[in-house]
Amino acid sequence: MLDIISIGECMIELYADQPLAEAPYFQKAFAGDALNNIAAAQRMGSRTGFITRVGDDPFAPYLLKSWQAMGIDTSHCRVVPGFNGIYFISLLPGGEREFIYYRRGSAPSTMEPSDLDEAYIAGARILLTTGITQAISPSARATALRAAQIAHTHGVWVAYDPNVRLKLWSLSEAREALAEILPYVNIALPGGPEEGRMLFGLEDPQAIVVSLWEAGVELVALKWGMAGCWVGIRAEGSITCVPPLSGIEARDTTGAGDAFNGVFLHGLCSGMAPVEAARLGMIAAALKVRGRGAVASLPSREEVYRIYQEVSAHV
């Protein structure tokens, strides 16, 4: 049995440490929120799988071999005619980032509900999808919804990060997509405060948690930047703020929320209480931002657990 299956896209990353217009060279890597999440969980020891389409361009072998080397199950990564999305990124002075994306029409965006294997989803403990998966195309949105429905039918918990990106679609579309998938979501992983204002019209983190409870979500982990994370357990009626790990100098915050998500879900699969799983996730997210890249800078299982033990001794 797999612990976590994620459905979505992964792109080729081309990175430069100078402004894009001036950079003579780029480094190749890969990233995408759906993949970043399970990469973090896999790094911690969870068993993960990925559902996506991979374009049969020259990057396809690199992507598949890289995911397999990480231990991610790629048996449901379908290679199809087409191309893989690419994005360029550079880190600017002051920690700012510069992005350019070329993803419209990419292979992952052509995913269809017929790609889904019901038995594969039914055999997992958690299915994870995101608002970006929904946003990349109407067919990908339909695939994410159908996957959540299949998981719900089989008692597999559905985790969902809205991850709003208004460059991909309108706010009204993001709200509609949230509303259609929310009845099947057990674990909500939103961000704030901006995402809270956009999606819920709320600025108070506890009010956002309660709003998601009222929609039927059982567990909420609301990421709130440097303020930490609000964990809401509907069955207990409890909302707890888990502080971030202090004393970390951030180099690149790309994928920090994804690192939290993956390690939080790993913690749940390992039997941790939600607040403790969130503490583990906050540590992983903080350690991740020390290095560059959404996947390459993920911390080791040993380091995360060592610091978790140190922090827990003083809670």
C-alpha atoms as a PDB file:
ATOM      1  CA  MET A   1       0.000   0.000   0.000  1.00  0.00           C
ATOM      2  CA  LEU A   2       1.211   3.499  -0.840  1.00  0.00           C
ATOM      3  CA  ASP A   3       0.926   6.187   1.809  1.00  0.00           C
ATOM      4  CA  ILE A   4       0.382   9.172  -0.485  1.00  0.00           C
ATOM      5  CA  ILE A   5      -0.509   9.471  -4.160  1.00  0.00           C
ATOM      6  CA  SER A   6      -0.287  12.889  -5.780  1.00  0.00           C
ATOM      7  CA  ILE A   7      -1.891  13.963  -9.043  1.00  0.00           C
ATOM      8  CA  GLY A   8      -0.658  16.934 -11.052  1.00  0.00           C
ATOM      9  CA  GLU A   9       2.259  18.289 -13.039  1.00  0.00           C
ATOM     10  CA  CYS A  10       6.012  18.507 -12.820  1.00  0.00           C
ATOM     11  CA  MET A  11       8.025  20.904 -14.972  1.00  0.00           C
ATOM     12  CA  ILE A  12      11.619  21.277 -16.012  1.00  0.00           C
ATOM     13  CA  GLU A  13      13.290  24.044 -14.035  1.00  0.00           C
ATOM     14  CA  LEU A  14      16.081  26.141 -15.561  1.00  0.00           C
ATOM     15  CA  TYR A  15      17.786  28.191 -12.869  1.00  0.00           C
ATOM     16  CA  ALA A  16      20.205  31.094 -12.970  1.00  0.00           C
ATOM     17  CA  ASP A  17      21.784  33.052 -10.129  1.00  0.00           C
ATOM     18  CA  GLN A  18      21.577  36.285 -12.135  1.00  0.00           C
ATOM     19  CA  PRO A  19      18.623  38.190 -13.626  1.00  0.00           C
ATOM     20  CA  LEU A  20      17.207  36.117 -16.482  1.00  0.00           C
ATOM     21  CA  ALA A  21      18.031  38.754 -19.085  1.00  0.00           C
ATOM     22  CA  GLU A  22      21.713  38.682 -18.103  1.00  0.00           C
ATOM     23  CA  ALA A  23      22.312  35.014 -17.280  1.00  0.00           C
ATOM     24  CA  PRO A  24      24.674  33.210 -19.683  1.00  0.00           C
ATOM     25  CA  TYR A  25      23.999  29.751 -18.182  1.00  0.00           C
ATOM     26  CA  PHE A  26      21.128  27.865 -16.579  1.00  0.00           C
ATOM     27  CA  GLN A  27      21.083  24.813 -14.304  1.00  0.00           C
ATOM     28  CA  LYS A  28      18.539  22.065 -14.975  1.00  0.00           C
ATOM     29  CA  ALA A  29      16.272  20.657 -12.273  1.00  0.00           C
ATOM     30  CA  PHE A  30      12.575  19.853 -11.932  1.00  0.00           C
ATOM     31  CA  ALA A  31       9.676  20.964  -9.751  1.00  0.00           C
ATOM     32  CA  GLY A  32       5.920  21.331  -9.569  1.00  0.00           C
ATOM     33  CA  ASP A  33       3.710  21.504  -6.499  1.00  0.00           C
ATOM     34  CA  ALA A  34       2.156  18.046  -6.908  1.00  0.00           C
ATOM     35  CA  LEU A  35       5.606  16.468  -7.234  1.00  0.00           C
ATOM     36  CA  ASN A  36       7.244  18.665  -4.571  1.00  0.00           C
ATOM     37  CA  ASN A  37       4.759  17.472  -1.954  1.00  0.00           C
ATOM     38  CA  ILE A  38       5.448  13.781  -2.409  1.00  0.00           C
ATOM     39  CA  ALA A  39       9.186  14.380  -2.807  1.00  0.00           C
ATOM     40  CA  ALA A  40       9.160  15.807   0.719  1.00  0.00           C
ATOM     41  CA  ALA A  41       7.096  12.908   2.058  1.00  0.00           C
ATOM     42  CA  GLN A  42       9.251  10.333   0.269  1.00  0.00           C
ATOM     43  CA  ARG A  43      12.397  11.929   1.701  1.00  0.00           C
ATOM     44  CA  MET A  44      10.959  11.340   5.160  1.00  0.00           C
ATOM     45  CA  GLY A  45      10.260   7.671   4.484  1.00  0.00           C
ATOM     46  CA  SER A  46       6.682   7.614   3.185  1.00  0.00           C
ATOM     47  CA  ARG A  47       5.771   5.438   0.216  1.00  0.00           C
ATOM     48  CA  THR A  48       4.509   7.664  -2.574  1.00  0.00           C
ATOM     49  CA  GLY A  49       3.160   7.531  -6.103  1.00  0.00           C
ATOM     50  CA  PHE A  50       2.606  10.096  -8.839  1.00  0.00           C
ATOM     51  CA  ILE A  51      -0.198  10.325 -11.393  1.00  0.00           C
ATOM     52  CA  THR A  52       0.644  12.545 -14.343  1.00  0.00           C
ATOM     53  CA  ARG A  53       1.355  12.665 -18.044  1.00  0.00           C
ATOM     54  CA  VAL A  54       4.917  13.078 -19.300  1.00  0.00           C
ATOM     55  CA  GLY A  55       5.648  14.482 -22.739  1.00  0.00           C
ATOM     56  CA  ASP A  56       7.854  12.308 -24.960  1.00  0.00           C
ATOM     57  CA  ASP A  57      10.407  15.075 -25.486  1.00  0.00           C
ATOM     58  CA  PRO A  58      14.130  14.715 -24.599  1.00  0.00           C
ATOM     59  CA  PHE A  59      13.397  15.596 -20.965  1.00  0.00           C
ATOM     60  CA  ALA A  60      11.103  12.600 -20.370  1.00  0.00           C
ATOM     61  CA  PRO A  61      13.837  10.065 -19.431  1.00  0.00           C
ATOM     62  CA  TYR A  62      15.433  12.601 -17.085  1.00  0.00           C
ATOM     63  CA  LEU A  63      12.164  13.219 -15.248  1.00  0.00           C
ATOM     64  CA  LEU A  64      11.174   9.575 -14.918  1.00  0.00           C
ATOM     65  CA  LYS A  65      14.623   8.396 -13.836  1.00  0.00           C
ATOM     66  CA  SER A  66      14.892  11.228 -11.308  1.00  0.00           C
ATOM     67  CA  TRP A  67      11.539  10.413  -9.712  1.00  0.00           C
ATOM     68  CA  GLN A  68      12.357   6.709  -9.638  1.00  0.00           C
ATOM     69  CA  ALA A  69      15.733   7.410  -8.037  1.00  0.00           C
ATOM     70  CA  MET A  70      13.888   9.221  -5.264  1.00  0.00           C
ATOM     71  CA  GLY A  71      11.746   6.140  -4.679  1.00  0.00           C
ATOM     72  CA  ILE A  72       8.506   7.566  -6.082  1.00  0.00           C
ATOM     73  CA  ASP A  73       6.294   5.032  -7.836  1.00  0.00           C
ATOM     74  CA  THR A  74       5.961   6.108 -11.494  1.00  0.00           C
ATOM     75  CA  SER A  75       3.787   3.236 -12.715  1.00  0.00           C
ATOM     76  CA  HIS A  76       0.966   5.707 -13.405  1.00  0.00           C
ATOM     77  CA  CYS A  77       3.076   8.394 -15.079  1.00  0.00           C
ATOM     78  CA  ARG A  78       1.868   8.024 -18.657  1.00  0.00           C
ATOM     79  CA  VAL A  79       4.261   9.018 -21.445  1.00  0.00           C
ATOM     80  CA  VAL A  80       2.357  10.693 -24.282  1.00  0.00           C
ATOM     81  CA  PRO A  81       3.191  12.667 -27.430  1.00  0.00           C
ATOM     82  CA  GLY A  82       3.897  16.242 -26.472  1.00  0.00           C
ATOM     83  CA  PHE A  83       6.217  18.387 -24.388  1.00  0.00           C
ATOM     84  CA  ASN A  84       6.947  18.965 -20.719  1.00  0.00           C
ATOM     85  CA  GLY A  85       6.419  22.401 -19.234  1.00  0.00           C
ATOM     86  CA  ILE A  86       9.475  24.549 -18.531  1.00  0.00           C
ATOM     87  CA  TYR A  87      10.022  27.454 -16.199  1.00  0.00           C
ATOM     88  CA  PHE A  88      12.980  29.771 -15.765  1.00  0.00           C
ATOM     89  CA  ILE A  89      13.839  31.117 -12.328  1.00  0.00           C
ATOM     90  CA  SER A  90      16.489  33.399 -10.906  1.00  0.00           C
ATOM     91  CA  LEU A  91      17.142  34.655  -7.404  1.00  0.00           C
ATOM     92  CA  LEU A  92      17.533  38.432  -7.249  1.00  0.00           C
ATOM     93  CA  PRO A  93      19.166  40.605  -4.585  1.00  0.00           C
ATOM     94  CA  GLY A  94      17.147  40.785  -1.373  1.00  0.00           C
ATOM     95  CA  GLY A  95      15.709  37.308  -1.810  1.00  0.00           C
ATOM     96  CA  GLU A  96      13.305  38.270  -4.588  1.00  0.00           C
ATOM     97  CA  ARG A  97      12.616  35.746  -7.356  1.00  0.00           C
ATOM     98  CA  GLU A  98      12.018  36.093 -11.088  1.00  0.00           C
ATOM     99  CA  PHE A  99       9.887  33.503 -12.915  1.00  0.00           C
ATOM    100  CA  ILE A 100       8.894  32.857 -16.526  1.00  0.00           C
ATOM    101  CA  TYR A 101       6.661  29.860 -17.325  1.00  0.00           C
ATOM    102  CA  TYR A 102       6.106  27.967 -20.590  1.00  0.00           C
ATOM    103  CA  ARG A 103       3.510  25.349 -19.696  1.00  0.00           C
ATOM    104  CA  ARG A 104       0.297  25.967 -21.679  1.00  0.00           C
ATOM    105  CA  GLY A 105      -0.585  22.822 -23.611  1.00  0.00           C
ATOM    106  CA  SER A 106       2.061  20.706 -21.865  1.00  0.00           C
ATOM    107  CA  ALA A 107       1.590  16.968 -21.464  1.00  0.00           C
ATOM    108  CA  PRO A 108       0.378  17.126 -17.830  1.00  0.00           C
ATOM    109  CA  SER A 109      -2.303  19.624 -18.858  1.00  0.00           C
ATOM    110  CA  THR A 110      -3.796  16.997 -21.200  1.00  0.00           C
ATOM    111  CA  MET A 111      -4.596  14.601 -18.324  1.00  0.00           C
ATOM    112  CA  GLU A 112      -8.085  13.124 -18.525  1.00  0.00           C
ATOM    113  CA  PRO A 113     -10.278  11.203 -16.060  1.00  0.00           C
ATOM    114  CA  SER A 114      -9.754   8.075 -18.187  1.00  0.00           C
ATOM    115  CA  ASP A 115      -6.088   8.129 -17.077  1.00  0.00           C
ATOM    116  CA  LEU A 116      -7.135   7.173 -13.555  1.00  0.00           C
ATOM    117  CA  ASP A 117      -6.821   3.634 -12.220  1.00  0.00           C
ATOM    118  CA  GLU A 118      -9.468   3.203  -9.539  1.00  0.00           C
ATOM    119  CA  ALA A 119      -7.659   0.308  -7.864  1.00  0.00           C
ATOM    120  CA  TYR A 120      -4.429   2.317  -7.659  1.00  0.00           C
ATOM    121  CA  ILE A 121      -6.153   5.207  -5.890  1.00  0.00           C
ATOM    122  CA  ALA A 122      -8.153   2.876  -3.664  1.00  0.00           C
ATOM    123  CA  GLY A 123      -4.932   1.261  -2.474  1.00  0.00           C
ATOM    124  CA  ALA A 124      -3.488   4.479  -1.023  1.00  0.00           C
ATOM    125  CA  ARG A 125      -3.969   6.061   2.375  1.00  0.00           C
ATOM    126  CA  ILE A 126      -4.062   9.668   1.130  1.00  0.00           C
ATOM    127  CA  LEU A 127      -4.724  11.212  -2.292  1.00  0.00           C
ATOM    128  CA  LEU A 128      -3.272  14.699  -2.728  1.00  0.00           C
ATOM    129  CA  THR A 129      -4.206  17.251  -5.353  1.00  0.00           C
ATOM    130  CA  THR A 130      -3.945  21.007  -5.707  1.00  0.00           C
ATOM    131  CA  GLY A 131      -5.499  24.083  -7.216  1.00  0.00           C
ATOM    132  CA  ILE A 132      -2.657  24.258  -9.718  1.00  0.00           C
ATOM    133  CA  THR A 133      -3.584  20.798 -10.990  1.00  0.00           C
ATOM    134  CA  GLN A 134      -7.123  22.080 -11.480  1.00  0.00           C
ATOM    135  CA  ALA A 135      -5.946  25.309 -13.089  1.00  0.00           C
ATOM    136  CA  ILE A 136      -3.673  23.993 -15.843  1.00  0.00           C
ATOM    137  CA  SER A 137      -6.616  22.900 -18.032  1.00  0.00           C
ATOM    138  CA  PRO A 138     -10.302  21.946 -17.905  1.00  0.00           C
ATOM    139  CA  SER A 139      -9.441  18.273 -18.461  1.00  0.00           C
ATOM    140  CA  ALA A 140      -6.889  18.319 -15.624  1.00  0.00           C
ATOM    141  CA  ARG A 141      -9.510  19.939 -13.400  1.00  0.00           C
ATOM    142  CA  ALA A 142     -11.977  17.184 -14.263  1.00  0.00           C
ATOM    143  CA  THR A 143      -9.291  14.575 -13.578  1.00  0.00           C
ATOM    144  CA  ALA A 144      -8.513  16.000 -10.145  1.00  0.00           C
ATOM    145  CA  LEU A 145     -12.201  16.032  -9.258  1.00  0.00           C
ATOM    146  CA  ARG A 146     -12.750  12.468 -10.446  1.00  0.00           C
ATOM    147  CA  ALA A 147      -9.690  11.289  -8.503  1.00  0.00           C
ATOM    148  CA  ALA A 148     -11.071  12.887  -5.341  1.00  0.00           C
ATOM    149  CA  GLN A 149     -14.446  11.237  -5.920  1.00  0.00           C
ATOM    150  CA  ILE A 150     -12.824   7.819  -6.387  1.00  0.00           C
ATOM    151  CA  ALA A 151     -10.763   8.273  -3.223  1.00  0.00           C
ATOM    152  CA  HIS A 152     -13.834   9.375  -1.264  1.00  0.00           C
ATOM    153  CA  THR A 153     -15.775   6.321  -2.424  1.00  0.00           C
ATOM    154  CA  HIS A 154     -13.045   3.990  -1.172  1.00  0.00           C
ATOM    155  CA  GLY A 155     -12.428   5.702   2.147  1.00  0.00           C
ATOM    156  CA  VAL A 156      -9.094   7.158   1.062  1.00  0.00           C
ATOM    157  CA  TRP A 157      -8.488  10.541   2.650  1.00  0.00           C
ATOM    158  CA  VAL A 158      -8.260  13.443   0.211  1.00  0.00           C
ATOM    159  CA  ALA A 159      -5.766  16.240   0.898  1.00  0.00           C
ATOM    160  CA  TYR A 160      -6.090  19.488  -1.040  1.00  0.00           C
ATOM    161  CA  ASP A 161      -3.951  22.626  -1.274  1.00  0.00           C
ATOM    162  CA  PRO A 162      -5.778  25.447  -3.128  1.00  0.00           C
ATOM    163  CA  ASN A 163      -2.415  27.025  -4.083  1.00  0.00           C
ATOM    164  CA  VAL A 164      -4.075  29.893  -5.953  1.00  0.00           C
ATOM    165  CA  ARG A 165      -2.159  31.183  -8.989  1.00  0.00           C
ATOM    166  CA  LEU A 166      -4.061  33.980 -10.718  1.00  0.00           C
ATOM    167  CA  LYS A 167      -1.711  33.841 -13.713  1.00  0.00           C
ATOM    168  CA  LEU A 168      -3.295  30.482 -14.540  1.00  0.00           C
ATOM    169  CA  TRP A 169      -6.963  31.382 -14.126  1.00  0.00           C
ATOM    170  CA  SER A 170      -9.365  33.881 -12.618  1.00  0.00           C
ATOM    171  CA  LEU A 171     -10.289  34.127  -8.965  1.00  0.00           C
ATOM    172  CA  SER A 172     -13.870  33.170  -9.774  1.00  0.00           C
ATOM    173  CA  GLU A 173     -12.622  29.965 -11.455  1.00  0.00           C
ATOM    174  CA  ALA A 174     -10.432  29.191  -8.441  1.00  0.00           C
ATOM    175  CA  ARG A 175     -13.420  29.614  -6.133  1.00  0.00           C
ATOM    176  CA  GLU A 176     -15.603  27.412  -8.338  1.00  0.00           C
ATOM    177  CA  ALA A 177     -12.948  24.687  -8.428  1.00  0.00           C
ATOM    178  CA  LEU A 178     -12.575  24.838  -4.646  1.00  0.00           C
ATOM    179  CA  ALA A 179     -16.337  24.541  -4.180  1.00  0.00           C
ATOM    180  CA  GLU A 180     -16.630  21.521  -6.463  1.00  0.00           C
ATOM    181  CA  ILE A 181     -13.840  19.502  -4.839  1.00  0.00           C
ATOM    182  CA  LEU A 182     -14.394  20.529  -1.208  1.00  0.00           C
ATOM    183  CA  PRO A 183     -17.193  17.989  -0.527  1.00  0.00           C
ATOM    184  CA  TYR A 184     -14.599  15.222  -1.007  1.00  0.00           C
ATOM    185  CA  VAL A 185     -11.745  16.845   0.961  1.00  0.00           C
ATOM    186  CA  ASN A 186     -10.750  15.511   4.386  1.00  0.00           C
ATOM    187  CA  ILE A 187      -7.514  17.507   4.827  1.00  0.00           C
ATOM    188  CA  ALA A 188      -7.301  21.126   3.667  1.00  0.00           C
ATOM    189  CA  LEU A 189      -3.860  22.724   3.301  1.00  0.00           C
ATOM    190  CA  PRO A 190      -4.522  26.378   2.420  1.00  0.00           C
ATOM    191  CA  GLY A 191      -2.196  29.334   2.832  1.00  0.00           C
ATOM    192  CA  GLY A 192      -2.696  32.766   4.245  1.00  0.00           C
ATOM    193  CA  PRO A 193      -3.249  35.543   4.725  1.00  0.00           C
ATOM    194  CA  GLU A 194      -3.627  36.480   1.036  1.00  0.00           C
ATOM    195  CA  GLU A 195      -5.174  33.175  -0.040  1.00  0.00           C
ATOM    196  CA  GLY A 196      -7.606  33.346   2.868  1.00  0.00           C
ATOM    197  CA  ARG A 197      -8.807  36.753   1.747  1.00  0.00           C
ATOM    198  CA  MET A 198      -9.129  35.694  -1.891  1.00  0.00           C
ATOM    199  CA  LEU A 199     -10.943  32.400  -1.400  1.00  0.00           C
ATOM    200  CA  PHE A 200     -12.946  32.946   1.758  1.00  0.00           C
ATOM    201  CA  GLY A 201     -13.132  36.714   2.161  1.00  0.00           C
ATOM    202  CA  LEU A 202     -11.679  36.236   5.642  1.00  0.00           C
ATOM    203  CA  GLU A 203      -8.529  37.543   7.307  1.00  0.00           C
ATOM    204  CA  ASP A 204      -8.723  35.807  10.671  1.00  0.00           C
ATOM    205  CA  PRO A 205      -7.030  32.384  10.543  1.00  0.00           C
ATOM    206  CA  GLN A 206      -9.394  30.809  13.050  1.00  0.00           C
ATOM    207  CA  ALA A 207     -12.387  32.005  11.030  1.00  0.00           C
ATOM    208  CA  ILE A 208     -10.919  30.389   7.913  1.00  0.00           C
ATOM    209  CA  VAL A 209     -10.485  27.099   9.781  1.00  0.00           C
ATOM    210  CA  VAL A 210     -14.081  27.201  11.014  1.00  0.00           C
ATOM    211  CA  SER A 211     -15.313  27.995   7.501  1.00  0.00           C
ATOM    212  CA  LEU A 212     -13.599  24.860   6.185  1.00  0.00           C
ATOM    213  CA  TRP A 213     -15.024  22.796   9.044  1.00  0.00           C
ATOM    214  CA  GLU A 214     -18.489  24.004   8.088  1.00  0.00           C
ATOM    215  CA  ALA A 215     -17.812  22.807   4.530  1.00  0.00           C
ATOM    216  CA  GLY A 216     -17.152  19.311   5.897  1.00  0.00           C
ATOM    217  CA  VAL A 217     -13.337  19.289   6.084  1.00  0.00           C
ATOM    218  CA  GLU A 218     -12.124  17.233   9.033  1.00  0.00           C
ATOM    219  CA  LEU A 219      -8.584  18.537   9.397  1.00  0.00           C
ATOM    220  CA  VAL A 220      -7.142  21.920   8.417  1.00  0.00           C
ATOM    221  CA  ALA A 221      -3.465  22.912   8.364  1.00  0.00           C
ATOM    222  CA  LEU A 222      -3.506  26.608   7.504  1.00  0.00           C
ATOM    223  CA  LYS A 223      -0.020  27.877   6.630  1.00  0.00           C
ATOM    224  CA  TRP A 224       0.398  31.487   7.790  1.00  0.00           C
ATOM    225  CA  GLY A 225       3.901  32.504   6.767  1.00  0.00           C
ATOM    226  CA  MET A 226       6.219  33.587   9.555  1.00  0.00           C
ATOM    227  CA  ALA A 227       3.365  33.304  12.064  1.00  0.00           C
ATOM    228  CA  GLY A 228       3.425  29.522  11.736  1.00  0.00           C
ATOM    229  CA  CYS A 229       0.558  27.157  11.044  1.00  0.00           C
ATOM    230  CA  TRP A 230      -2.964  26.882  12.421  1.00  0.00           C
ATOM    231  CA  VAL A 231      -4.110  23.287  12.922  1.00  0.00           C
ATOM    232  CA  GLY A 232      -7.844  22.783  13.213  1.00  0.00           C
ATOM    233  CA  ILE A 233      -9.313  19.406  14.216  1.00  0.00           C
ATOM    234  CA  ARG A 234     -13.065  19.442  13.661  1.00  0.00           C
ATOM    235  CA  ALA A 235     -13.845  16.396  15.829  1.00  0.00           C
ATOM    236  CA  GLU A 236     -12.211  18.092  18.817  1.00  0.00           C
ATOM    237  CA  GLY A 237     -13.245  21.630  17.981  1.00  0.00           C
ATOM    238  CA  SER A 238      -9.625  22.597  18.584  1.00  0.00           C
ATOM    239  CA  ILE A 239      -7.479  25.172  16.776  1.00  0.00           C
ATOM    240  CA  THR A 240      -3.786  25.317  17.660  1.00  0.00           C
ATOM    241  CA  CYS A 241      -1.065  27.632  16.359  1.00  0.00           C
ATOM    242  CA  VAL A 242       2.223  25.833  15.716  1.00  0.00           C
ATOM    243  CA  PRO A 243       5.106  28.334  15.556  1.00  0.00           C
ATOM    244  CA  PRO A 244       7.813  28.239  12.882  1.00  0.00           C
ATOM    245  CA  LEU A 245      11.374  27.146  13.561  1.00  0.00           C
ATOM    246  CA  SER A 246      13.414  30.233  14.424  1.00  0.00           C
ATOM    247  CA  GLY A 247      16.986  31.148  13.615  1.00  0.00           C
ATOM    248  CA  ILE A 248      16.973  30.015   9.984  1.00  0.00           C
ATOM    249  CA  GLU A 249      18.366  32.292   7.267  1.00  0.00           C
ATOM    250  CA  ALA A 250      16.245  31.903   4.134  1.00  0.00           C
ATOM    251  CA  ARG A 251      17.952  31.680   0.762  1.00  0.00           C
ATOM    252  CA  ASP A 252      15.069  30.446  -1.400  1.00  0.00           C
ATOM    253  CA  THR A 253      11.469  30.054  -0.201  1.00  0.00           C
ATOM    254  CA  THR A 254      10.351  28.248  -3.363  1.00  0.00           C
ATOM    255  CA  GLY A 255       8.440  25.116  -2.367  1.00  0.00           C
ATOM    256  CA  ALA A 256       8.453  25.781   1.381  1.00  0.00           C
ATOM    257  CA  GLY A 257       4.693  25.273   1.585  1.00  0.00           C
ATOM    258  CA  ASP A 258       4.985  22.071  -0.436  1.00  0.00           C
ATOM    259  CA  ALA A 259       7.678  20.791   1.939  1.00  0.00           C
ATOM    260  CA  PHE A 260       5.357  21.485   4.857  1.00  0.00           C
ATOM    261  CA  ASN A 261       2.469  19.681   3.159  1.00  0.00           C
ATOM    262  CA  GLY A 262       4.459  16.584   2.329  1.00  0.00           C
ATOM    263  CA  VAL A 263       6.048  16.233   5.748  1.00  0.00           C
ATOM    264  CA  PHE A 264       2.764  16.995   7.522  1.00  0.00           C
ATOM    265  CA  LEU A 265       1.043  14.218   5.569  1.00  0.00           C
ATOM    266  CA  HIS A 266       4.008  11.936   6.252  1.00  0.00           C
ATOM    267  CA  GLY A 267       3.573  12.620   9.952  1.00  0.00           C
ATOM    268  CA  LEU A 268      -0.107  11.716   9.798  1.00  0.00           C
ATOM    269  CA  CYS A 269       0.680   8.489   7.943  1.00  0.00           C
ATOM    270  CA  SER A 270       3.266   7.694  10.625  1.00  0.00           C
ATOM    271  CA  GLY A 271       0.625   7.945  13.349  1.00  0.00           C
ATOM    272  CA  MET A 272       1.465  11.387  14.672  1.00  0.00           C
ATOM    273  CA  ALA A 273      -1.228  13.619  16.129  1.00  0.00           C
ATOM    274  CA  PRO A 274      -2.025  16.493  13.737  1.00  0.00           C
ATOM    275  CA  VAL A 275      -0.357  19.175  15.868  1.00  0.00           C
ATOM    276  CA  GLU A 276       2.836  17.134  16.111  1.00  0.00           C
ATOM    277  CA  ALA A 277       2.732  16.374  12.378  1.00  0.00           C
ATOM    278  CA  ALA A 278       2.445  20.119  11.768  1.00  0.00           C
ATOM    279  CA  ARG A 279       5.426  20.750  14.042  1.00  0.00           C
ATOM    280  CA  LEU A 280       7.415  18.268  11.960  1.00  0.00           C
ATOM    281  CA  GLY A 281       6.252  19.995   8.777  1.00  0.00           C
ATOM    282  CA  MET A 282       7.199  23.453  10.039  1.00  0.00           C
ATOM    283  CA  ILE A 283      10.712  22.218  10.812  1.00  0.00           C
ATOM    284  CA  ALA A 284      11.092  20.673   7.350  1.00  0.00           C
ATOM    285  CA  ALA A 285       9.838  23.847   5.636  1.00  0.00           C
ATOM    286  CA  ALA A 286      12.267  26.019   7.606  1.00  0.00           C
ATOM    287  CA  LEU A 287      15.237  23.786   6.855  1.00  0.00           C
ATOM    288  CA  LYS A 288      14.284  23.612   3.186  1.00  0.00           C
ATOM    289  CA  VAL A 289      14.572  27.378   2.618  1.00  0.00           C
ATOM    290  CA  ARG A 290      18.288  27.344   3.522  1.00  0.00           C
ATOM    291  CA  GLY A 291      19.090  25.981   0.066  1.00  0.00           C
ATOM    292  CA  ARG A 292      18.010  26.611  -3.484  1.00  0.00           C
ATOM    293  CA  GLY A 293      15.358  24.691  -5.398  1.00  0.00           C
ATOM    294  CA  ALA A 294      12.016  23.196  -4.477  1.00  0.00           C
ATOM    295  CA  VAL A 295      13.289  19.604  -4.382  1.00  0.00           C
ATOM    296  CA  ALA A 296      17.098  19.676  -4.226  1.00  0.00           C
ATOM    297  CA  SER A 297      17.152  21.527  -0.897  1.00  0.00           C
ATOM    298  CA  LEU A 298      14.749  19.238   0.974  1.00  0.00           C
ATOM    299  CA  PRO A 299      16.303  18.302   4.328  1.00  0.00           C
ATOM    300  CA  SER A 300      17.072  14.737   5.342  1.00  0.00           C
ATOM    301  CA  ARG A 301      14.770  12.621   7.492  1.00  0.00           C
ATOM    302  CA  GLU A 302      17.495  12.384  10.139  1.00  0.00           C
ATOM    303  CA  GLU A 303      17.947  16.142  10.463  1.00  0.00           C
ATOM    304  CA  VAL A 304      14.218  16.866  10.596  1.00  0.00           C
ATOM    305  CA  TYR A 305      13.573  14.281  13.298  1.00  0.00           C
ATOM    306  CA  ARG A 306      16.626  15.335  15.304  1.00  0.00           C
ATOM    307  CA  ILE A 307      15.448  18.925  15.467  1.00  0.00           C
ATOM    308  CA  TYR A 308      11.874  17.775  16.109  1.00  0.00           C
ATOM    309  CA  GLN A 309      13.084  15.889  19.188  1.00  0.00           C
ATOM    310  CA  GLU A 310      14.963  18.981  20.382  1.00  0.00           C
ATOM    311  CA  VAL A 311      11.964  21.246  19.851  1.00  0.00           C
ATOM    312  CA  SER A 312       9.515  18.799  21.431  1.00  0.00           C
ATOM    313  CA  ALA A 313      11.632  18.646  24.578  1.00  0.00           C
ATOM    314  CA  HIS A 314      10.942  22.355  25.143  1.00  0.00           C
ATOM    315  CA  VAL A 315       7.259  22.506  24.197  1.00  0.00           C
END
